[in-house]
Amino acid sequence: MAAALLDRLLHRCHIVNIRGNSYRMRRHKDLSKAIHPTASRAVDAEQAQMRQTS
């Protein structure tokens, strides 16, 4: 039933995949850094390491 409903809704649609953080996620990250400065450094280091290996 759900598949049929989605098929009807998306029949003539163009699906746009947007990558990257939304403004809400950026704001959340900034607030998180302000609240937990030491934890955010560890997360930033982990993300930088992941970018280098990709």
Protein backbone atom coordinates (compact mmCIF):
# COMPACT_ATOMS: atom_id res chain seq x y z
CA MET A 1 0.00 0.00 0.00
CA ALA A 2 2.77 2.45 0.93
CA ALA A 3 4.71 1.63 -2.23
CA ALA A 4 1.66 2.38 -4.38
CA LEU A 5 1.12 5.69 -2.59
CA LEU A 6 4.76 6.72 -3.09
CA ASP A 7 4.57 5.67 -6.73
CA ARG A 8 1.55 7.95 -7.22
CA LEU A 9 3.17 10.89 -5.46
CA LEU A 10 6.57 10.61 -7.14
CA HIS A 11 5.39 9.70 -10.63
CA ARG A 12 6.19 13.06 -12.24
CA CYS A 13 8.58 14.44 -9.66
CA HIS A 14 12.26 15.18 -9.91
CA ILE A 15 14.11 14.17 -6.77
CA VAL A 16 17.00 16.46 -5.88
CA ASN A 17 19.64 15.08 -3.56
CA ILE A 18 21.30 17.91 -1.65
CA ARG A 19 24.55 17.10 0.10
CA GLY A 20 26.16 18.97 2.93
CA ASN A 21 24.97 20.27 6.26
CA SER A 22 21.82 22.33 6.45
CA TYR A 23 21.78 25.63 8.28
CA ARG A 24 20.15 23.86 11.22
CA MET A 25 22.96 21.33 11.44
CA ARG A 26 25.58 24.09 11.20
CA ARG A 27 23.86 25.97 14.02
CA HIS A 28 23.69 22.79 16.11
CA LYS A 29 27.40 22.16 15.55
CA ASP A 30 28.25 25.72 16.64
CA LEU A 31 26.12 25.39 19.78
CA SER A 32 27.63 22.02 20.55
CA LYS A 33 31.13 23.47 20.31
CA ALA A 34 30.18 26.28 22.67
CA ILE A 35 28.68 23.91 25.23
CA HIS A 36 31.22 21.07 24.99
CA PRO A 37 34.52 22.56 23.72
CA THR A 38 36.74 19.55 24.51
CA ALA A 39 34.38 16.98 22.98
CA SER A 40 33.99 19.01 19.79
CA ARG A 41 37.77 19.00 19.24
CA ALA A 42 37.76 15.20 19.22
CA VAL A 43 34.90 15.14 16.72
CA ASP A 44 36.64 17.70 14.48
CA ALA A 45 39.84 15.64 14.52
CA GLU A 46 37.91 12.48 13.63
CA GLN A 47 36.12 14.23 10.74
CA ALA A 48 39.40 15.63 9.41
CA GLN A 49 40.94 12.17 9.51
CA MET A 50 37.95 10.72 7.62
CA ARG A 51 38.27 13.41 4.92
CA GLN A 52 41.95 12.58 4.44
CA THR A 53 41.28 8.88 3.93
CA SER A 54 38.44 9.50 1.45
